[in-house]
Protein backbone atom coordinates (compact mmCIF):
# COMPACT_ATOMS: atom_id res chain seq x y z
CA MET A 1 145.92 107.67 145.50
CA TYR A 2 145.71 110.48 148.05
CA PHE A 3 146.55 107.81 150.70
CA PHE A 4 149.87 106.99 148.97
CA TYR A 5 150.58 110.69 148.27
CA ASN A 6 150.22 111.48 151.93
CA ILE A 7 152.59 108.59 152.88
CA ILE A 8 155.21 110.15 150.53
CA THR A 9 154.68 113.70 151.94
CA ASN A 10 154.94 112.40 155.51
CA LEU A 11 158.22 110.65 154.65
CA ALA A 12 159.39 113.93 153.02
CA ILE A 13 158.73 115.80 156.31
CA ILE A 14 160.86 113.27 158.20
CA ILE A 15 163.93 113.78 155.93
CA SER A 16 163.27 117.46 155.24
CA PRO A 17 165.58 118.83 158.03
CA ALA A 18 168.57 117.28 156.25
CA ILE A 19 167.48 118.69 152.80
CA ILE A 20 166.77 122.10 154.26
CA PHE A 21 170.14 122.20 156.06
CA TYR A 22 171.87 121.44 152.77
CA ARG A 23 169.83 124.16 151.05
CA ILE A 24 170.70 126.68 153.74
CA LEU A 25 174.42 125.93 153.14
CA LYS A 26 173.90 126.47 149.41
CA GLY A 27 172.15 129.85 150.06
CA LYS A 28 168.78 128.51 148.73
CA GLU A 29 166.86 128.90 152.04
CA ASP A 30 166.48 131.86 154.39
CA ILE A 31 167.66 130.54 157.75
CA LYS A 32 165.57 133.19 159.62
CA ARG A 33 162.30 132.27 157.86
CA VAL A 34 162.67 128.60 156.81
CA TRP A 35 160.11 127.61 159.52
CA GLU A 36 157.45 129.29 157.47
CA LYS A 37 157.52 126.20 155.27
CA PHE A 38 156.23 124.32 158.20
CA CYS A 39 153.56 126.92 158.91
CA ILE A 40 155.41 128.44 161.86
CA TYR A 41 155.24 132.30 161.66
CA SER A 42 156.64 135.28 163.42
CA GLN A 43 154.00 137.52 161.72
CA LYS A 44 150.77 138.31 163.57
CA LYS A 45 147.83 136.11 162.56
CA ASN A 46 145.55 138.04 160.28
CA LYS A 47 142.78 136.92 157.90
CA LYS A 48 143.59 137.61 154.29
CA LYS A 49 140.87 138.12 151.68
CA ILE A 50 143.06 136.94 148.84
CA TRP A 51 145.96 134.53 148.84
CA ILE A 52 148.24 134.45 145.72
CA HIS A 53 150.95 131.85 145.17
CA ALA A 54 153.76 132.55 142.72
CA ALA A 55 156.57 129.99 142.85
CA SER A 56 159.67 132.11 141.92
CA VAL A 57 160.83 135.38 140.28
CA GLY A 58 159.23 134.98 136.86
CA GLU A 59 155.86 134.12 138.26
CA LEU A 60 156.04 136.86 140.85
CA MET A 61 156.95 139.51 138.26
CA SER A 62 154.03 138.44 136.01
CA ILE A 63 151.55 138.84 138.93
CA VAL A 64 152.81 142.14 140.51
CA PRO A 65 150.65 144.28 138.11
CA ILE A 66 147.58 142.33 139.25
CA ILE A 67 148.44 142.78 142.88
CA GLN A 68 148.96 146.45 142.35
CA LYS A 69 145.47 146.78 140.85
CA LEU A 70 143.87 144.66 143.58
CA GLU A 71 145.45 146.82 146.24
CA LYS A 72 143.39 149.72 144.90
CA ASN A 73 140.16 147.77 145.45
CA LYS A 74 138.57 149.14 148.65
CA LYS A 75 136.86 145.74 149.25
CA ILE A 76 140.28 144.15 149.69
CA LYS A 77 141.94 144.92 153.08
CA ASN A 78 144.76 142.31 152.99
CA ILE A 79 146.53 140.17 150.41
CA LEU A 80 148.78 137.25 151.20
CA LEU A 81 151.46 136.43 148.72
CA SER A 82 153.51 133.25 148.98
CA THR A 83 156.58 132.17 147.00
CA SER A 84 159.02 129.33 147.25
CA THR A 85 162.42 130.87 146.72
CA THR A 86 164.70 133.27 148.48
CA SER A 87 165.28 135.26 145.25
CA SER A 88 161.53 135.91 144.91
CA ALA A 89 161.38 137.05 148.57
CA LYS A 90 164.22 139.60 147.76
CA ILE A 91 162.26 140.85 144.74
CA PHE A 92 159.08 141.21 146.79
CA LYS A 93 160.79 143.67 149.14
CA LYS A 94 161.51 145.94 146.22
CA GLN A 95 157.86 146.17 145.08
CA ARG A 96 156.60 148.58 147.80
CA LEU A 97 153.25 146.88 148.05
CA LYS A 98 151.05 148.30 150.89
CA LYS A 99 148.43 145.72 151.59
CA THR A 100 150.39 142.61 150.77
CA THR A 101 152.21 140.30 153.18
CA HIS A 102 154.85 137.80 151.96
CA VAL A 103 155.33 134.27 153.38
CA TYR A 104 156.99 131.19 152.10
CA PHE A 105 154.81 128.50 150.58
CA PRO A 106 154.28 125.54 152.99
CA LEU A 107 155.24 122.00 152.29
CA ASP A 108 152.38 120.09 150.68
CA ASN A 109 151.82 117.87 153.73
CA ASN A 110 148.12 117.34 154.76
CA TYR A 111 148.71 118.39 158.32
CA ILE A 112 150.80 121.50 157.39
CA VAL A 113 148.41 122.81 154.73
CA LYS A 114 145.45 122.43 157.13
CA ARG A 115 147.35 124.71 159.57
CA PHE A 116 148.13 127.13 156.82
CA ILE A 117 144.51 127.51 155.69
CA LYS A 118 143.29 127.81 159.26
CA TYR A 119 145.96 130.35 160.20
CA TRP A 120 145.42 132.74 157.21
CA SER A 121 141.73 131.95 156.41
CA PRO A 122 141.81 133.14 152.73
CA GLU A 123 138.52 133.76 150.92
CA LEU A 124 140.09 133.16 147.54
CA ALA A 125 143.29 131.28 146.39
CA ILE A 126 145.09 132.17 143.17
CA PHE A 127 147.89 129.98 141.90
CA ILE A 128 150.19 131.20 139.15
CA ASP A 129 151.54 129.32 136.22
CA SER A 130 152.21 125.59 136.84
CA GLU A 131 151.64 125.47 140.63
CA ILE A 132 149.43 122.44 141.22
CA TRP A 133 149.52 121.03 144.81
CA PRO A 134 147.28 118.02 145.58
CA ASN A 135 146.93 118.38 149.38
CA MET A 136 146.55 122.17 149.25
CA PHE A 137 143.94 122.01 146.56
CA HIS A 138 141.99 119.19 148.39
CA ASN A 139 141.86 121.10 151.65
CA LEU A 140 140.95 124.43 150.06
CA LYS A 141 138.03 122.66 148.32
CA LEU A 142 136.91 121.16 151.70
CA ASN A 143 136.87 124.61 153.14
CA ASN A 144 134.84 125.99 150.20
CA ILE A 145 137.65 128.39 149.14
CA PRO A 146 137.62 129.03 145.36
CA ILE A 147 140.79 128.09 143.49
CA ILE A 148 141.87 130.08 140.45
CA ILE A 149 144.79 128.90 138.30
CA MET A 150 145.96 132.17 136.64
CA ASN A 151 148.36 132.20 133.68
CA ALA A 152 148.08 128.43 133.81
CA ARG A 153 150.78 126.54 132.05
CA ILE A 154 150.93 122.79 131.42
CA THR A 155 153.66 121.52 129.06
CA GLU A 156 153.61 118.25 127.21
CA SER A 157 156.18 116.82 129.67
CA SER A 158 154.24 117.84 132.85
CA PHE A 159 151.03 116.52 131.29
CA ASP A 160 152.74 113.16 130.58
CA LYS A 161 153.79 112.99 134.26
CA TRP A 162 150.20 113.57 135.41
CA GLN A 163 149.02 110.86 133.09
CA ILE A 164 151.10 108.28 135.03
CA PHE A 165 148.17 108.45 137.47
CA PRO A 166 145.22 109.71 135.39
CA SER A 167 142.45 109.17 137.93
CA PHE A 168 144.48 111.00 140.62
CA ALA A 169 145.21 113.82 138.18
CA LYS A 170 141.56 114.32 137.43
CA GLN A 171 140.76 114.30 141.17
CA VAL A 172 143.33 117.06 141.78
CA PHE A 173 142.27 119.20 138.80
CA ALA A 174 138.55 118.80 139.72
CA ASN A 175 139.17 121.07 142.70
CA ILE A 176 139.93 124.06 140.40
CA SER A 177 137.11 126.65 140.32
CA LEU A 178 138.49 128.62 137.38
CA ALA A 179 141.43 128.07 135.05
CA LEU A 180 142.87 130.91 132.95
CA PRO A 181 145.38 129.26 130.54
CA GLN A 182 148.19 131.22 129.05
CA ASN A 183 148.30 129.27 125.75
CA LEU A 184 146.32 126.99 123.55
CA GLU A 185 148.44 123.90 124.50
CA THR A 186 147.53 124.37 128.20
CA LEU A 187 143.78 124.89 127.27
CA LYS A 188 143.80 121.52 125.47
CA TYR A 189 145.35 119.70 128.48
CA LEU A 190 143.03 121.33 131.03
CA LYS A 191 140.01 120.13 129.00
CA PHE A 192 141.50 116.58 128.90
CA LEU A 193 141.93 116.74 132.70
CA LYS A 194 138.21 117.66 133.03
CA VAL A 195 138.57 121.11 134.46
CA LYS A 196 134.99 122.45 134.16
CA ASN A 197 135.48 126.26 134.11
CA ILE A 198 138.18 127.41 131.59
CA LYS A 199 138.35 130.97 130.22
CA SER A 200 140.91 132.25 127.76
CA ALA A 201 142.46 135.46 129.11
CA GLY A 202 145.95 135.38 127.45
CA ASN A 203 149.50 135.31 128.81
CA LEU A 204 150.16 137.87 131.60
CA LYS A 205 153.83 137.91 130.60
CA TYR A 206 152.88 140.14 127.66
CA TYR A 207 152.19 142.86 130.24
CA GLY A 208 155.10 144.86 131.64
CA GLN A 209 155.53 148.16 133.53
CA LYS A 210 158.16 150.78 133.00
CA ASN A 211 159.15 151.12 136.62
CA ILE A 212 162.73 152.43 136.06
CA GLN A 213 163.81 155.59 137.70
CA LYS A 214 164.80 158.13 135.02
CA ASN A 215 167.84 159.42 136.97
CA GLU A 216 169.05 155.90 137.61
CA LEU A 217 168.83 155.07 133.96
CA LYS A 218 170.51 158.29 132.98
CA LEU A 219 173.47 157.40 135.22
CA LEU A 220 173.72 153.92 133.72
CA LYS A 221 173.61 155.27 130.19
CA TYR A 222 176.35 157.73 131.04
CA LYS A 223 178.46 154.88 132.41
CA PHE A 224 178.28 152.88 129.17
CA LYS A 225 178.26 155.96 126.78
CA SER A 226 181.59 155.12 125.27
CA TYR A 227 180.80 151.51 124.47
CA LYS A 228 178.66 149.35 122.25
CA VAL A 229 176.62 147.03 124.40
CA TRP A 230 174.62 143.84 123.95
CA CYS A 231 172.93 141.64 126.57
CA ALA A 232 172.84 137.86 127.36
CA ALA A 233 169.89 137.50 129.74
CA SER A 234 168.54 134.64 131.92
CA THR A 235 171.68 132.55 131.15
CA HIS A 236 172.17 129.07 132.66
CA ASN A 237 175.12 126.88 133.42
CA ASP A 238 177.23 126.25 130.29
CA GLU A 239 175.64 129.15 128.36
CA GLU A 240 178.09 131.69 129.66
CA VAL A 241 180.87 129.74 127.93
CA LEU A 242 179.14 130.21 124.64
CA VAL A 243 178.54 133.87 125.43
CA GLY A 244 182.18 134.37 126.40
CA LYS A 245 183.40 132.80 123.14
CA LEU A 246 180.91 134.90 121.21
CA HIS A 247 182.18 138.08 122.91
CA LYS A 248 185.73 137.24 121.81
CA LYS A 249 184.63 136.96 118.15
CA LEU A 250 182.60 140.13 118.34
CA LYS A 251 185.43 142.09 119.96
CA LYS A 252 187.60 141.45 116.89
CA ARG A 253 185.08 143.44 114.74
CA GLU A 254 183.74 145.83 117.39
CA LYS A 255 186.65 147.03 119.54
CA LYS A 256 184.75 149.05 122.15
CA LEU A 257 182.24 146.28 122.98
CA ILE A 258 180.94 145.22 126.38
CA THR A 259 178.88 142.15 126.86
CA ILE A 260 176.31 142.40 129.77
CA ILE A 261 175.42 138.99 131.33
CA ILE A 262 172.31 138.78 133.48
CA PRO A 263 172.33 135.21 134.84
CA ARG A 264 169.10 133.47 135.74
CA HIS A 265 170.51 132.65 139.20
CA VAL A 266 172.81 135.23 140.71
CA ASN A 267 174.09 132.69 143.34
CA ARG A 268 176.21 131.38 140.46
CA THR A 269 178.18 134.65 140.23
CA ASN A 270 181.64 133.20 141.41
CA GLU A 271 181.17 130.21 139.13
CA ILE A 272 180.46 132.49 136.18
CA ILE A 273 183.44 134.72 136.85
CA ASP A 274 185.70 131.67 137.00
CA THR A 275 184.30 130.56 133.61
CA LEU A 276 184.91 133.91 132.07
CA ASN A 277 188.42 134.22 133.51
CA ASN A 278 189.31 130.75 132.05
CA LEU A 279 188.53 132.37 128.63
CA ASP A 280 190.88 135.26 129.45
CA LEU A 281 187.97 137.70 129.68
CA ASN A 282 188.01 140.62 132.14
CA CYS A 283 184.74 140.77 134.15
CA ILE A 284 183.41 143.24 136.65
CA THR A 285 180.21 142.86 138.69
CA HIS A 286 177.33 145.32 138.99
CA SER A 287 177.46 145.19 142.83
CA SER A 288 181.18 146.19 142.88
CA ASN A 289 180.40 149.70 141.53
CA GLN A 290 183.73 149.65 139.63
CA LYS A 291 184.33 151.97 136.80
CA LEU A 292 184.47 150.40 133.32
CA GLN A 293 188.02 149.97 132.11
CA GLU A 294 189.44 149.90 128.59
CA ASP A 295 190.02 146.14 128.97
CA THR A 296 186.61 145.38 130.44
CA ASP A 297 184.92 142.60 128.50
CA VAL A 298 181.91 141.48 130.56
CA TYR A 299 179.68 143.35 132.98
CA LEU A 300 177.96 140.80 135.18
CA VAL A 301 174.65 141.79 136.77
CA ASP A 302 174.79 139.98 140.13
CA SER A 303 171.51 141.27 141.63
CA TYR A 304 167.84 140.52 141.04
CA GLY A 305 165.16 142.84 139.67
CA GLU A 306 167.51 145.16 137.67
CA SER A 307 167.48 143.55 134.25
CA SER A 308 165.12 146.14 132.67
CA LYS A 309 167.74 148.91 133.14
CA PHE A 310 170.22 146.99 131.01
CA TYR A 311 167.77 146.21 128.23
CA ASN A 312 167.51 149.93 127.72
CA LEU A 313 171.22 150.15 126.82
CA THR A 314 171.07 147.95 123.65
CA ASN A 315 168.99 146.78 120.68
CA VAL A 316 169.83 143.13 120.87
CA CYS A 317 169.58 140.42 123.52
CA PHE A 318 170.28 136.69 123.73
CA VAL A 319 167.70 134.98 126.03
CA GLY A 320 169.09 131.91 127.75
CA GLY A 321 167.76 128.68 128.95
CA SER A 322 167.47 127.89 125.31
CA ILE A 323 170.89 126.40 124.29
CA ILE A 324 170.71 123.93 127.12
CA LYS A 325 167.66 121.65 127.42
CA HIS A 326 165.75 123.84 129.82
CA GLY A 327 162.89 125.03 127.65
CA GLY A 328 163.79 128.71 127.40
CA GLN A 329 163.06 131.87 129.41
CA ASN A 330 160.52 134.64 128.80
CA PRO A 331 161.80 136.94 126.01
CA LEU A 332 159.00 139.57 126.32
CA GLU A 333 160.64 141.96 128.76
CA PRO A 334 163.67 142.69 126.62
CA THR A 335 161.49 142.87 123.49
CA ARG A 336 159.12 145.48 125.06
CA LEU A 337 162.21 147.58 125.81
CA GLY A 338 163.36 147.57 122.17
CA ASN A 339 165.50 144.45 121.90
CA TYR A 340 165.74 142.06 119.01
CA ILE A 341 165.89 138.46 120.48
CA ILE A 342 168.33 135.73 119.73
CA ASN A 343 167.52 132.32 121.18
CA GLY A 344 168.73 128.75 121.00
CA PRO A 345 166.50 125.92 119.77
CA ASN A 346 165.09 124.77 123.14
CA VAL A 347 162.20 127.07 123.75
CA GLN A 348 159.31 124.68 124.22
CA ASN A 349 158.22 126.47 127.43
CA PHE A 350 157.52 129.59 125.40
CA LYS A 351 156.60 128.13 122.02
CA GLU A 352 153.69 130.48 121.22
CA ILE A 353 155.54 133.59 122.31
CA TYR A 354 158.55 132.79 120.18
CA THR A 355 156.26 132.01 117.26
CA PHE A 356 154.66 135.33 117.70
CA LEU A 357 157.97 137.19 117.84
CA ASN A 358 159.29 135.28 114.89
CA ASN A 359 156.22 136.24 112.84
CA LEU A 360 156.94 139.88 113.67
CA LYS A 361 160.56 139.36 112.67
CA LEU A 362 161.73 140.14 116.16
CA SER A 363 163.65 137.04 116.94
CA SER A 364 166.00 134.52 115.45
CA SER A 365 166.64 130.89 116.60
CA THR A 366 170.18 129.54 116.33
CA SER A 367 172.94 127.88 118.35
CA ASN A 368 175.62 128.74 115.74
CA ILE A 369 178.12 131.28 117.08
CA LEU A 370 178.93 132.66 113.62
CA LYS A 371 175.26 133.33 112.88
CA MET A 372 174.80 134.96 116.35
CA GLU A 373 177.81 137.13 115.67
CA ASN A 374 176.44 138.39 112.42
CA ILE A 375 172.92 139.02 113.86
CA ILE A 376 174.36 141.01 116.81
CA LEU A 377 176.56 143.20 114.71
CA LYS A 378 173.70 143.93 112.40
CA LYS A 379 171.07 144.57 115.12
CA LEU A 380 173.39 146.85 117.19
CA LYS A 381 172.82 149.37 114.35
CA THR A 382 169.15 148.78 113.91
CA LYS A 383 166.25 149.75 116.21
CA VAL A 384 163.17 147.52 116.68
CA PRO A 385 160.17 149.21 114.93
CA ASP A 386 157.99 151.14 117.45
CA LYS A 387 154.83 149.72 115.85
CA ASN A 388 155.85 146.14 116.90
CA ILE A 389 156.59 147.21 120.46
CA LYS A 390 153.26 148.98 120.63
CA LYS A 391 151.48 145.81 119.47
CA ILE A 392 153.06 143.85 122.34
CA ILE A 393 152.09 146.51 124.85
CA SER A 394 148.51 146.60 123.54
CA ILE A 395 148.25 142.82 123.90
CA GLY A 396 149.62 143.01 127.44
CA ASN A 397 147.08 145.69 128.51
CA ASN A 398 144.23 143.63 127.10
CA VAL A 399 145.49 140.41 128.94
CA LEU A 400 145.71 142.31 132.29
CA GLU A 401 142.18 143.65 132.02
CA LYS A 402 140.70 140.27 131.04
CA ASN A 403 142.41 138.53 134.04
CA LEU A 404 141.14 141.27 136.44
CA PHE A 405 137.65 140.91 135.02
CA HIS A 406 137.60 137.13 135.88
CA ILE A 407 139.12 137.75 139.40
CA ASN A 408 136.60 140.42 140.27
CA LYS A 409 133.75 138.01 139.79
CA TYR A 410 134.99 136.16 142.89
CA LEU A 411 135.34 139.27 144.96
CA ILE A 412 131.68 140.26 145.03
C-alpha cells in the first residue's frame, strides 16, 4: 500500500504549485516561507533534540505549556516546532520561546520527508492530536527516531477512514513508540490498530495558563464598563447569522448589550461584517481601535491569540463549530476563565469534555434561539462557582505532569 500512497503523493507534488498559488491568493499560505513545505529553508541547519508537530492554532496552544517546561530542561539545547497554517505561525511569534524554532510541516512525500529528517536530525518526534503521516512515520522509524503521539485523538469518522485499508493502517500505527490518548474513545481505537505502547495521561486541553497582562485587561474592562457583554467564540460560517439574530432578541431585553464575536478564522472578517450589516447590526473590529458607540451591537475580534482577554469580561459564552456539522471546538478555555458554556448539538470532537462540563452543570446544549436567549440573560447575572473552576485547573495540572513524565523517559 505504501507503493500506491507514494504514487499519490508524487502526483500531489506535481499539481501542488497550482494549489499553493491558489492558497496564497486566499491568504492561507505565507509567500515568503511556502518553500519550507518542500524542505527548502532560509534558517541555518541545526540539529534539534526534540521535534514537535502541531497542525494549527488549537494544537499549538495545547502544547505551548509542554514546550515551556521542556525549555527549562538543561539537557535540551534546541526544539523544533512545526505547524501547517499561517495562523499558527503568527501565534508562535507571540509565545516568546527561547530555544524553539518554527518551520512549516513538509508535504508527506517520501523524498521530501527524508530531506526533512536529514536536515534537522531530531532525536525524538512528538505529534499532537490527530497528526498521522505515513511517509514521515515510516522514515522516522527507519532512522530509529522514537515517535510519540501526544494528546492523541481518533474520532469514529477518522477511524472508519483508516479501516478502508486496515492492513496499511496497522503498518502506519505500528511505527508509533508511545501513544498518549486524550480520551477513552481514542484509547479503544489505538488498541484496535495494534499500537503496542499506550499510556493514559489525560487531555492537555484541560491545562491553561493565565498569560494576560493585568494592565491590558484593566484597559479592556474599562472600555466595556458601561455595557453588558457576552461572547460567541470559535464561530464558523453560518453561525454568525444565528449569533446576530440572537443579539437582536437579547437587545430588546438588555438595552446596553454588546455581543463579542471571536471567529475561528479571522480571514473571514469582511464576510462576517457583511453578514452582520445585512442584519442591520453595527459592528466594529478589535483592530480598528474604535471607541464603543451607543449603537454598537457587535465587537468583532479580528486577531489571533487574544480570546482569553474577552472571556474575562463575561460569565457566558457560546462555543461554535457546534451548530454546523463540524464537531465542535474546545470549550475549556472560556470555562477556566469563569464562563458558562452554550453549545449546539454537534460536539462529537469533544464528547467527553462536554459530558464532564454538563455533569458539573457548566454547559447547556441547544440550537434553539429562545432557549439561548433565556440562558444568556440568566447567566449574565450568575458567576460560575469557583470550586468548579478549581476542579478543572487541578485536572489540567495533573494532565500536564503526566505527559511530561512520559516524555522525560525518552530524554535520558
